[in-house]
PDB file of N, CA and C in Angstrom:
ATOM      1  N   UNK A   1      69.547  80.640  84.365  1.00  0.00           N
ATOM      2  CA  UNK A   1      68.747  81.399  83.439  1.00  0.00           C
ATOM      3  C   UNK A   1      68.745  82.877  83.814  1.00  0.00           C
ATOM      4  N   UNK A   2      68.600  83.183  85.090  1.00  0.00           N
ATOM      5  CA  UNK A   2      68.597  84.576  85.509  1.00  0.00           C
ATOM      6  C   UNK A   2      69.950  85.238  85.266  1.00  0.00           C
ATOM      7  N   UNK A   3      71.008  84.460  85.391  1.00  0.00           N
ATOM      8  CA  UNK A   3      72.335  85.001  85.117  1.00  0.00           C
ATOM      9  C   UNK A   3      72.457  85.414  83.661  1.00  0.00           C
ATOM     10  N   UNK A   4      71.884  84.608  82.754  1.00  0.00           N
ATOM     11  CA  UNK A   4      71.930  84.941  81.331  1.00  0.00           C
ATOM     12  C   UNK A   4      71.128  86.201  81.040  1.00  0.00           C
ATOM     13  N   UNK A   5      69.985  86.341  81.668  1.00  0.00           N
ATOM     14  CA  UNK A   5      69.162  87.537  81.482  1.00  0.00           C
ATOM     15  C   UNK A   5      69.887  88.758  82.029  1.00  0.00           C
ATOM     16  N   UNK A   6      70.464  88.611  83.204  1.00  0.00           N
ATOM     17  CA  UNK A   6      71.214  89.711  83.810  1.00  0.00           C
ATOM     18  C   UNK A   6      72.387  90.117  82.920  1.00  0.00           C
ATOM     19  N   UNK A   7      73.109  89.127  82.423  1.00  0.00           N
ATOM     20  CA  UNK A   7      74.259  89.409  81.561  1.00  0.00           C
ATOM     21  C   UNK A   7      73.815  90.125  80.284  1.00  0.00           C
ATOM     22  N   UNK A   8      72.714  89.690  79.697  1.00  0.00           N
ATOM     23  CA  UNK A   8      72.201  90.338  78.488  1.00  0.00           C
ATOM     24  C   UNK A   8      71.805  91.782  78.768  1.00  0.00           C
ATOM     25  N   UNK A   9      71.198  92.019  79.927  1.00  0.00           N
ATOM     26  CA  UNK A   9      70.812  93.378  80.285  1.00  0.00           C
ATOM     27  C   UNK A   9      72.036  94.270  80.482  1.00  0.00           C
ATOM     28  N   UNK A  10      73.046  93.747  81.150  1.00  0.00           N
ATOM     29  CA  UNK A  10      74.273  94.521  81.381  1.00  0.00           C
ATOM     30  C   UNK A  10      74.958  94.830  80.055  1.00  0.00           C
ATOM     31  N   UNK A  11      75.047  93.855  79.169  1.00  0.00           N
ATOM     32  CA  UNK A  11      75.701  94.076  77.884  1.00  0.00           C
ATOM     33  C   UNK A  11      74.917  95.055  77.009  1.00  0.00           C
ATOM     34  N   UNK A  12      73.605  94.982  77.075  1.00  0.00           N
ATOM     35  CA  UNK A  12      72.774  95.921  76.329  1.00  0.00           C
ATOM     36  C   UNK A  12      72.976  97.349  76.831  1.00  0.00           C
ATOM     37  N   UNK A  13      72.984  97.509  78.130  1.00  0.00           N
ATOM     38  CA  UNK A  13      73.197  98.834  78.716  1.00  0.00           C
ATOM     39  C   UNK A  13      74.614  99.340  78.432  1.00  0.00           C
ATOM     40  N   UNK A  14      75.571  98.444  78.414  1.00  0.00           N
ATOM     41  CA  UNK A  14      76.949  98.806  78.096  1.00  0.00           C
ATOM     42  C   UNK A  14      77.048  99.339  76.669  1.00  0.00           C
ATOM     43  N   UNK A  15      76.392  98.663  75.736  1.00  0.00           N
ATOM     44  CA  UNK A  15      76.406  99.114  74.343  1.00  0.00           C
ATOM     45  C   UNK A  15      75.746 100.485  74.214  1.00  0.00           C
ATOM     46  N   UNK A  16      74.657 100.678  74.923  1.00  0.00           N
ATOM     47  CA  UNK A  16      73.973 101.974  74.887  1.00  0.00           C
ATOM     48  C   UNK A  16      74.858 103.087  75.452  1.00  0.00           C
ATOM     49  N   UNK A  17      75.504 102.817  76.575  1.00  0.00           N
ATOM     50  CA  UNK A  17      76.388 103.807  77.187  1.00  0.00           C
ATOM     51  C   UNK A  17      77.597 104.084  76.299  1.00  0.00           C
ATOM     52  N   UNK A  18      78.128 103.045  75.658  1.00  0.00           N
ATOM     53  CA  UNK A  18      79.269 103.229  74.762  1.00  0.00           C
ATOM     54  C   UNK A  18      78.882 104.083  73.556  1.00  0.00           C
ATOM     55  N   UNK A  19      77.675 103.874  73.029  1.00  0.00           N
ATOM     56  CA  UNK A  19      77.197 104.714  71.929  1.00  0.00           C
ATOM     57  C   UNK A  19      77.054 106.166  72.364  1.00  0.00           C
ATOM     58  N   UNK A  20      76.550 106.396  73.566  1.00  0.00           N
ATOM     59  CA  UNK A  20      76.449 107.759  74.088  1.00  0.00           C
ATOM     60  C   UNK A  20      77.824 108.390  74.232  1.00  0.00           C
ATOM     61  N   UNK A  21      78.771 107.631  74.746  1.00  0.00           N
ATOM     62  CA  UNK A  21      80.133 108.148  74.915  1.00  0.00           C
ATOM     63  C   UNK A  21      80.786 108.413  73.566  1.00  0.00           C
ATOM     64  N   UNK A  22      80.504 107.573  72.602  1.00  0.00           N
ATOM     65  CA  UNK A  22      81.089 107.721  71.272  1.00  0.00           C
ATOM     66  C   UNK A  22      80.694 109.052  70.637  1.00  0.00           C
ATOM     67  N   UNK A  23      79.489 109.483  70.902  1.00  0.00           N
ATOM     68  CA  UNK A  23      79.023 110.762  70.345  1.00  0.00           C
ATOM     69  C   UNK A  23      79.824 111.955  70.865  1.00  0.00           C
ATOM     70  N   UNK A  24      80.408 111.812  72.052  1.00  0.00           N
ATOM     71  CA  UNK A  24      81.133 112.936  72.645  1.00  0.00           C
ATOM     72  C   UNK A  24      82.631 112.902  72.357  1.00  0.00           C
ATOM     73  N   UNK A  25      83.127 111.787  71.813  1.00  0.00           N
ATOM     74  CA  UNK A  25      84.558 111.653  71.558  1.00  0.00           C
ATOM     75  C   UNK A  25      84.916 112.112  70.150  1.00  0.00           C
ATOM     76  N   UNK A  26      86.030 112.818  70.048  1.00  0.00           N
ATOM     77  CA  UNK A  26      86.524 113.230  68.732  1.00  0.00           C
ATOM     78  C   UNK A  26      87.367 112.102  68.144  1.00  0.00           C
ATOM     79  N   UNK A  27      87.649 112.213  66.863  1.00  0.00           N
ATOM     80  CA  UNK A  27      88.475 111.201  66.209  1.00  0.00           C
ATOM     81  C   UNK A  27      89.877 111.158  66.809  1.00  0.00           C
ATOM     82  N   UNK A  28      90.424 112.321  67.191  1.00  0.00           N
ATOM     83  CA  UNK A  28      91.771 112.322  67.776  1.00  0.00           C
ATOM     84  C   UNK A  28      91.767 111.671  69.159  1.00  0.00           C
ATOM     85  N   UNK A  29      90.686 111.845  69.931  1.00  0.00           N
ATOM     86  CA  UNK A  29      90.590 111.183  71.232  1.00  0.00           C
ATOM     87  C   UNK A  29      90.504 109.668  71.053  1.00  0.00           C
ATOM     88  N   UNK A  30      89.720 109.231  70.077  1.00  0.00           N
ATOM     89  CA  UNK A  30      89.625 107.800  69.798  1.00  0.00           C
ATOM     90  C   UNK A  30      90.974 107.249  69.341  1.00  0.00           C
ATOM     91  N   UNK A  31      91.667 108.022  68.526  1.00  0.00           N
ATOM     92  CA  UNK A  31      92.991 107.600  68.068  1.00  0.00           C
ATOM     93  C   UNK A  31      93.954 107.481  69.246  1.00  0.00           C
ATOM     94  N   UNK A  32      93.837 108.393  70.214  1.00  0.00           N
ATOM     95  CA  UNK A  32      94.705 108.352  71.387  1.00  0.00           C
ATOM     96  C   UNK A  32      94.509 107.074  72.208  1.00  0.00           C
ATOM     97  N   UNK A  33      93.287 106.579  72.261  1.00  0.00           N
ATOM     98  CA  UNK A  33      93.042 105.353  73.028  1.00  0.00           C
ATOM     99  C   UNK A  33      93.144 104.101  72.159  1.00  0.00           C
ATOM    100  N   UNK A  34      93.427 104.297  70.879  1.00  0.00           N
ATOM    101  CA  UNK A  34      93.686 103.174  69.993  1.00  0.00           C
ATOM    102  C   UNK A  34      92.452 102.483  69.446  1.00  0.00           C
ATOM    103  N   UNK A  35      91.352 103.206  69.368  1.00  0.00           N
ATOM    104  CA  UNK A  35      90.120 102.630  68.836  1.00  0.00           C
ATOM    105  C   UNK A  35      89.586 103.501  67.710  1.00  0.00           C
ATOM    106  N   UNK A  36      88.788 102.894  66.845  1.00  0.00           N
ATOM    107  CA  UNK A  36      88.130 103.650  65.779  1.00  0.00           C
ATOM    108  C   UNK A  36      86.646 103.762  66.100  1.00  0.00           C
ATOM    109  N   UNK A  37      85.962 104.610  65.368  1.00  0.00           N
ATOM    110  CA  UNK A  37      84.513 104.739  65.574  1.00  0.00           C
ATOM    111  C   UNK A  37      83.802 103.412  65.305  1.00  0.00           C
ATOM    112  N   UNK A  38      84.297 102.681  64.325  1.00  0.00           N
ATOM    113  CA  UNK A  38      83.662 101.416  63.956  1.00  0.00           C
ATOM    114  C   UNK A  38      83.840 100.333  65.022  1.00  0.00           C
ATOM    115  N   UNK A  39      84.955 100.375  65.755  1.00  0.00           N
ATOM    116  CA  UNK A  39      85.226  99.297  66.705  1.00  0.00           C
ATOM    117  C   UNK A  39      84.991  99.677  68.165  1.00  0.00           C
ATOM    118  N   UNK A  40      84.705 100.932  68.445  1.00  0.00           N
ATOM    119  CA  UNK A  40      84.611 101.407  69.829  1.00  0.00           C
ATOM    120  C   UNK A  40      83.582 100.624  70.640  1.00  0.00           C
ATOM    121  N   UNK A  41      82.357 100.569  70.168  1.00  0.00           N
ATOM    122  CA  UNK A  41      81.278  99.929  70.924  1.00  0.00           C
ATOM    123  C   UNK A  41      81.552  98.440  71.109  1.00  0.00           C
ATOM    124  N   UNK A  42      81.966  97.769  70.043  1.00  0.00           N
ATOM    125  CA  UNK A  42      82.200  96.332  70.164  1.00  0.00           C
ATOM    126  C   UNK A  42      83.367  96.030  71.107  1.00  0.00           C
ATOM    127  N   UNK A  43      84.395  96.855  71.103  1.00  0.00           N
ATOM    128  CA  UNK A  43      85.523  96.648  72.020  1.00  0.00           C
ATOM    129  C   UNK A  43      85.089  96.815  73.476  1.00  0.00           C
ATOM    130  N   UNK A  44      84.272  97.828  73.753  1.00  0.00           N
ATOM    131  CA  UNK A  44      83.793  98.062  75.114  1.00  0.00           C
ATOM    132  C   UNK A  44      82.904  96.899  75.563  1.00  0.00           C
ATOM    133  N   UNK A  45      81.980  96.491  74.709  1.00  0.00           N
ATOM    134  CA  UNK A  45      81.072  95.387  75.049  1.00  0.00           C
ATOM    135  C   UNK A  45      81.864  94.098  75.266  1.00  0.00           C
ATOM    136  N   UNK A  46      82.841  93.829  74.406  1.00  0.00           N
ATOM    137  CA  UNK A  46      83.654  92.618  74.576  1.00  0.00           C
ATOM    138  C   UNK A  46      84.449  92.661  75.869  1.00  0.00           C
ATOM    139  N   UNK A  47      84.928  93.838  76.250  1.00  0.00           N
ATOM    140  CA  UNK A  47      85.664  93.980  77.497  1.00  0.00           C
ATOM    141  C   UNK A  47      84.768  93.679  78.698  1.00  0.00           C
ATOM    142  N   UNK A  48      83.563  94.217  78.682  1.00  0.00           N
ATOM    143  CA  UNK A  48      82.620  93.979  79.778  1.00  0.00           C
ATOM    144  C   UNK A  48      82.196  92.513  79.795  1.00  0.00           C
ATOM    145  N   UNK A  49      81.984  91.931  78.616  1.00  0.00           N
ATOM    146  CA  UNK A  49      81.615  90.518  78.541  1.00  0.00           C
ATOM    147  C   UNK A  49      82.706  89.648  79.169  1.00  0.00           C
ATOM    148  N   UNK A  50      83.951  89.943  78.855  1.00  0.00           N
ATOM    149  CA  UNK A  50      85.062  89.184  79.435  1.00  0.00           C
ATOM    150  C   UNK A  50      85.109  89.360  80.947  1.00  0.00           C
ATOM    151  N   UNK A  51      84.879  90.591  81.424  1.00  0.00           N
ATOM    152  CA  UNK A  51      84.852  90.831  82.867  1.00  0.00           C
ATOM    153  C   UNK A  51      83.729  90.047  83.539  1.00  0.00           C
ATOM    154  N   UNK A  52      82.563  90.032  82.913  1.00  0.00           N
ATOM    155  CA  UNK A  52      81.439  89.279  83.476  1.00  0.00           C
ATOM    156  C   UNK A  52      81.727  87.783  83.493  1.00  0.00           C
ATOM    157  N   UNK A  53      82.306  87.276  82.413  1.00  0.00           N
ATOM    158  CA  UNK A  53      82.640  85.843  82.362  1.00  0.00           C
ATOM    159  C   UNK A  53      83.636  85.480  83.446  1.00  0.00           C
ATOM    160  N   UNK A  54      84.651  86.321  83.617  1.00  0.00           N
ATOM    161  CA  UNK A  54      85.644  86.054  84.658  1.00  0.00           C
ATOM    162  C   UNK A  54      85.026  86.149  86.048  1.00  0.00           C
ATOM    163  N   UNK A  55      84.184  87.146  86.257  1.00  0.00           N
ATOM    164  CA  UNK A  55      83.539  87.314  87.557  1.00  0.00           C
ATOM    165  C   UNK A  55      82.593  86.154  87.846  1.00  0.00           C
ATOM    166  N   UNK A  56      81.897  85.697  86.826  1.00  0.00           N
ATOM    167  CA  UNK A  56      80.955  84.584  87.000  1.00  0.00           C
ATOM    168  C   UNK A  56      81.689  83.314  87.396  1.00  0.00           C
ATOM    169  N   UNK A  57      82.855  83.141  86.859  1.00  0.00           N
ATOM    170  CA  UNK A  57      83.636  81.944  87.181  1.00  0.00           C
ATOM    171  C   UNK A  57      84.233  82.007  88.583  1.00  0.00           C
ATOM    172  N   UNK A  58      84.434  83.217  89.093  1.00  0.00           N
ATOM    173  CA  UNK A  58      85.087  83.377  90.390  1.00  0.00           C
ATOM    174  C   UNK A  58      84.110  83.587  91.541  1.00  0.00           C
ATOM    175  N   UNK A  59      82.959  84.188  91.285  1.00  0.00           N
ATOM    176  CA  UNK A  59      82.113  84.643  92.388  1.00  0.00           C
ATOM    177  C   UNK A  59      80.665  84.203  92.240  1.00  0.00           C
ATOM    178  N   UNK A  60      79.946  84.357  93.328  1.00  0.00           N
ATOM    179  CA  UNK A  60      78.506  84.152  93.276  1.00  0.00           C
ATOM    180  C   UNK A  60      77.864  85.366  92.611  1.00  0.00           C
ATOM    181  N   UNK A  61      76.602  85.270  92.271  1.00  0.00           N
ATOM    182  CA  UNK A  61      75.905  86.376  91.628  1.00  0.00           C
ATOM    183  C   UNK A  61      75.874  87.605  92.529  1.00  0.00           C
ATOM    184  N   UNK A  62      75.624  87.419  93.803  1.00  0.00           N
ATOM    185  CA  UNK A  62      75.568  88.557  94.736  1.00  0.00           C
ATOM    186  C   UNK A  62      76.911  89.280  94.774  1.00  0.00           C
ATOM    187  N   UNK A  63      77.979  88.516  94.823  1.00  0.00           N
ATOM    188  CA  UNK A  63      79.307  89.118  94.832  1.00  0.00           C
ATOM    189  C   UNK A  63      79.596  89.825  93.510  1.00  0.00           C
ATOM    190  N   UNK A  64      79.158  89.228  92.383  1.00  0.00           N
ATOM    191  CA  UNK A  64      79.383  89.809  91.079  1.00  0.00           C
ATOM    192  C   UNK A  64      78.667  91.156  90.953  1.00  0.00           C
ATOM    193  N   UNK A  65      77.444  91.231  91.441  1.00  0.00           N
ATOM    194  CA  UNK A  65      76.695  92.480  91.378  1.00  0.00           C
ATOM    195  C   UNK A  65      77.363  93.546  92.228  1.00  0.00           C
ATOM    196  N   UNK A  66      77.849  93.183  93.379  1.00  0.00           N
ATOM    197  CA  UNK A  66      78.488  94.172  94.245  1.00  0.00           C
ATOM    198  C   UNK A  66      79.771  94.716  93.622  1.00  0.00           C
ATOM    199  N   UNK A  67      80.445  93.924  92.806  1.00  0.00           N
ATOM    200  CA  UNK A  67      81.650  94.397  92.126  1.00  0.00           C
ATOM    201  C   UNK A  67      81.285  95.373  91.010  1.00  0.00           C
ATOM    202  N   UNK A  68      80.185  95.100  90.313  1.00  0.00           N
ATOM    203  CA  UNK A  68      79.797  95.938  89.180  1.00  0.00           C
ATOM    204  C   UNK A  68      79.191  97.270  89.609  1.00  0.00           C
ATOM    205  N   UNK A  69      78.656  97.347  90.820  1.00  0.00           N
ATOM    206  CA  UNK A  69      78.021  98.570  91.282  1.00  0.00           C
ATOM    207  C   UNK A  69      79.081  99.508  91.829  1.00  0.00           C
ATOM    208  N   UNK A  70      79.054 100.727  91.365  1.00  0.00           N
ATOM    209  CA  UNK A  70      79.963 101.754  91.889  1.00  0.00           C
ATOM    210  C   UNK A  70      79.590 102.019  93.335  1.00  0.00           C
ATOM    211  N   UNK A  71      80.511 101.814  94.289  1.00  0.00           N
ATOM    212  CA  UNK A  71      80.173 101.979  95.699  1.00  0.00           C
ATOM    213  C   UNK A  71      79.754 103.400  96.039  1.00  0.00           C
ATOM    214  N   UNK A  72      80.162 104.366  95.244  1.00  0.00           N
ATOM    215  CA  UNK A  72      79.759 105.747  95.497  1.00  0.00           C
ATOM    216  C   UNK A  72      78.291 105.984  95.139  1.00  0.00           C
ATOM    217  N   UNK A  73      77.736 105.114  94.300  1.00  0.00           N
ATOM    218  CA  UNK A  73      76.355 105.285  93.863  1.00  0.00           C
ATOM    219  C   UNK A  73      75.393 104.295  94.522  1.00  0.00           C
ATOM    220  N   UNK A  74      75.901 103.348  95.257  1.00  0.00           N
ATOM    221  CA  UNK A  74      75.062 102.337  95.889  1.00  0.00           C
ATOM    222  C   UNK A  74      74.050 103.001  96.831  1.00  0.00           C
ATOM    223  N   UNK A  75      72.807 102.635  96.675  1.00  0.00           N
ATOM    224  CA  UNK A  75      71.757 103.175  97.525  1.00  0.00           C
ATOM    225  C   UNK A  75      71.215 104.521  97.083  1.00  0.00           C
ATOM    226  N   UNK A  76      71.709 105.064  95.971  1.00  0.00           N
ATOM    227  CA  UNK A  76      71.261 106.387  95.544  1.00  0.00           C
ATOM    228  C   UNK A  76      69.969 106.333  94.769  1.00  0.00           C
ATOM    229  N   UNK A  77      69.577 105.137  94.327  1.00  0.00           N
ATOM    230  CA  UNK A  77      68.343 105.021  93.540  1.00  0.00           C
ATOM    231  C   UNK A  77      67.217 104.568  94.425  1.00  0.00           C
TER     232      UNK A  77
END
């Protein structure tokens, strides 16, 4: 149950961050990476969801969290 809550929180934050990033990208930049404004957020969220599913199948929760945390930012909060 906690894994599902954690996954929902990560996906929610991912969508929020993708929306923030979308505001700063021009149409030509999106075209360069092969995404449209309509599909950008869903593609990013689906990518993270797939990464979480793969990580969940391979690792424990503690290991999964350590992979998702940027080591340069660990302990900064």
